[in-house]
Amino acid sequence: MYILVPADPMFMTRFLEMEEPLFHSLYYLHLAKLPEDQAEKVRRTYDSWGDILRAMPTHLTWHTPKTFEIATYCRRASKGYSLYGPDGEQLVSMYPIEVSVESLSNLTECLRLFESAELELRSPLAEALAEIREPDKDRELVDNY
């Protein structure tokens, strides 16, 4: 299956932020505390996240101080088909990447698992999510996911 990903540094930043602290922390620090079915979902999801990351165009996964400048230049310099917004501004380029339906399904199932765990007061997963939450950030891990 093909999905479109934007050549947008903010999108990639948010995507890359899912690994640490969310997946990495759950996988390496909290997996043994989770019920086996939840632990298996986290394992599969972390593997699927990695598969999707490997499918991304390599220039989208590297962050440098000039990332925004490069993205803007690429939009202006791109040849071929370009999309424009209602105000005439060129929109961010999109790249098709091939990912498996299984990988997307794993991410979706895990998101539902995290959302339901956040509603619970006492479960190993709810406690793990609360422990790795970053209170100084202006967004929640599961919301970002």
Protein backbone atom coordinates (compact mmCIF):
# COMPACT_ATOMS: atom_id res chain seq x y z
CA MET A 1 0.00 0.00 0.00
CA TYR A 2 1.24 3.49 -0.76
CA ILE A 3 0.79 6.42 1.58
CA LEU A 4 1.77 10.04 1.08
CA VAL A 5 4.18 11.72 3.47
CA PRO A 6 4.94 15.43 3.35
CA ALA A 7 8.44 16.83 2.82
CA ASP A 8 7.87 18.82 5.96
CA PRO A 9 10.41 19.08 8.78
CA MET A 10 7.68 19.40 11.41
CA PHE A 11 6.02 16.18 10.24
CA MET A 12 9.33 14.32 10.35
CA THR A 13 10.18 15.78 13.75
CA ARG A 14 6.88 14.56 15.16
CA PHE A 15 7.30 11.15 13.51
CA LEU A 16 10.84 10.73 14.82
CA GLU A 17 9.79 11.89 18.30
CA MET A 18 7.53 8.87 18.62
CA GLU A 19 10.52 6.59 19.06
CA GLU A 20 11.95 8.30 22.11
CA PRO A 21 10.43 8.44 24.66
CA LEU A 22 7.29 6.54 23.62
CA PHE A 23 8.31 3.32 21.82
CA HIS A 24 11.88 3.09 23.10
CA SER A 25 10.86 3.61 26.73
CA LEU A 26 7.94 1.20 26.57
CA TYR A 27 10.01 -1.43 24.80
CA TYR A 28 13.16 -1.28 26.89
CA LEU A 29 11.92 -0.11 30.29
CA HIS A 30 8.31 -1.23 30.69
CA LEU A 31 7.69 -4.25 28.45
CA ALA A 32 8.22 -6.84 31.21
CA LYS A 33 5.52 -5.16 33.36
CA LEU A 34 2.84 -5.33 30.66
CA PRO A 35 0.40 -8.20 30.11
CA GLU A 36 1.69 -10.48 27.34
CA ASP A 37 -0.92 -9.39 24.75
CA GLN A 38 -0.09 -5.70 25.29
CA ALA A 39 3.64 -6.40 25.29
CA GLU A 40 3.30 -8.21 21.97
CA LYS A 41 1.37 -5.27 20.46
CA VAL A 42 4.10 -2.87 21.59
CA ARG A 43 6.78 -5.16 20.08
CA ARG A 44 4.96 -5.43 16.76
CA THR A 45 4.28 -1.69 16.69
CA TYR A 46 7.90 -0.77 17.37
CA ASP A 47 8.98 -3.08 14.53
CA SER A 48 6.31 -1.56 12.24
CA TRP A 49 7.38 1.97 13.14
CA GLY A 50 10.94 1.03 12.14
CA ASP A 51 9.71 -0.47 8.85
CA ILE A 52 7.89 2.76 8.01
CA LEU A 53 10.92 4.86 9.00
CA ARG A 54 13.11 2.80 6.65
CA ALA A 55 10.61 3.40 3.82
CA MET A 56 10.89 7.20 4.20
CA PRO A 57 13.01 9.03 1.63
CA THR A 58 16.43 9.40 3.25
CA HIS A 59 16.58 13.17 2.83
CA LEU A 60 13.48 13.50 5.03
CA THR A 61 15.02 11.65 7.96
CA TRP A 62 18.11 13.83 8.39
CA HIS A 63 17.84 16.98 10.45
CA THR A 64 20.30 19.80 10.06
CA PRO A 65 20.13 23.46 11.09
CA LYS A 66 19.13 24.24 7.50
CA THR A 67 16.26 21.74 7.29
CA PHE A 68 13.53 24.38 6.90
CA GLU A 69 15.61 26.32 4.37
CA ILE A 70 16.23 23.17 2.32
CA ALA A 71 12.53 22.21 2.42
CA THR A 72 11.52 25.68 1.23
CA TYR A 73 14.13 25.60 -1.55
CA CYS A 74 12.97 22.15 -2.69
CA ARG A 75 9.39 23.40 -2.94
CA ARG A 76 10.45 26.42 -5.03
CA ALA A 77 12.93 24.52 -7.19
CA SER A 78 10.83 21.41 -7.84
CA LYS A 79 10.08 20.64 -11.46
CA GLY A 80 7.04 18.80 -12.59
CA TYR A 81 3.68 18.75 -10.91
CA SER A 82 3.22 21.27 -8.12
CA LEU A 83 0.24 21.91 -5.88
CA TYR A 84 -0.82 25.38 -4.84
CA GLY A 85 -3.10 26.52 -2.03
CA PRO A 86 -6.06 28.87 -2.44
CA ASP A 87 -3.83 31.90 -1.82
CA GLY A 88 -1.36 30.85 -4.53
CA GLU A 89 1.38 29.61 -2.18
CA GLN A 90 3.08 26.41 -3.30
CA LEU A 91 2.18 23.54 -0.98
CA VAL A 92 4.59 21.11 0.61
CA SER A 93 5.78 18.30 -1.65
CA MET A 94 4.40 14.84 -0.94
CA TYR A 95 6.26 11.58 -1.36
CA PRO A 96 4.59 8.21 -1.89
CA ILE A 97 6.11 5.48 0.24
CA GLU A 98 5.21 1.83 0.21
CA VAL A 99 4.27 0.34 3.56
CA SER A 100 2.54 -2.88 4.44
CA VAL A 101 -1.06 -2.95 5.55
CA GLU A 102 0.17 -4.95 8.54
CA SER A 103 2.49 -2.12 9.63
CA LEU A 104 -0.29 0.46 9.45
CA SER A 105 -2.68 -1.88 11.24
CA ASN A 106 -0.14 -2.44 14.03
CA LEU A 107 0.25 1.32 14.51
CA THR A 108 -3.51 1.81 14.55
CA GLU A 109 -4.15 -1.02 17.02
CA CYS A 110 -1.45 0.28 19.34
CA LEU A 111 -2.86 3.80 19.22
CA ARG A 112 -6.25 2.44 20.31
CA LEU A 113 -4.51 0.50 23.08
CA PHE A 114 -2.73 3.64 24.31
CA GLU A 115 -5.91 5.73 24.16
CA SER A 116 -7.86 3.20 26.21
CA ALA A 117 -4.98 2.88 28.69
CA GLU A 118 -5.00 6.64 29.25
CA LEU A 119 -8.64 6.37 30.34
CA GLU A 120 -7.80 3.72 32.93
CA LEU A 121 -6.58 4.64 36.37
CA ARG A 122 -4.65 1.55 37.35
CA SER A 123 -3.10 -0.67 34.73
CA PRO A 124 0.53 -1.40 33.97
CA LEU A 125 0.29 0.34 30.59
CA ALA A 126 -1.46 3.41 32.03
CA GLU A 127 1.21 3.68 34.71
CA ALA A 128 3.99 3.27 32.13
CA LEU A 129 2.51 6.01 29.92
CA ALA A 130 2.16 8.31 32.93
CA GLU A 131 5.76 7.64 33.93
CA ILE A 132 7.25 8.45 30.53
CA ARG A 133 5.04 11.50 29.90
CA GLU A 134 7.08 14.67 29.55
CA PRO A 135 5.33 17.33 31.64
CA ASP A 136 7.53 20.14 30.33
CA LYS A 137 6.40 19.55 26.74
CA ASP A 138 3.24 21.25 25.49
CA ARG A 139 1.85 18.07 23.96
CA GLU A 140 1.03 14.60 25.15
CA LEU A 141 2.81 11.51 23.81
CA VAL A 142 -0.35 9.66 22.80
CA ASP A 143 -1.84 12.77 21.19
CA ASN A 144 1.35 13.22 19.20
CA TYR A 145 1.19 9.58 18.16
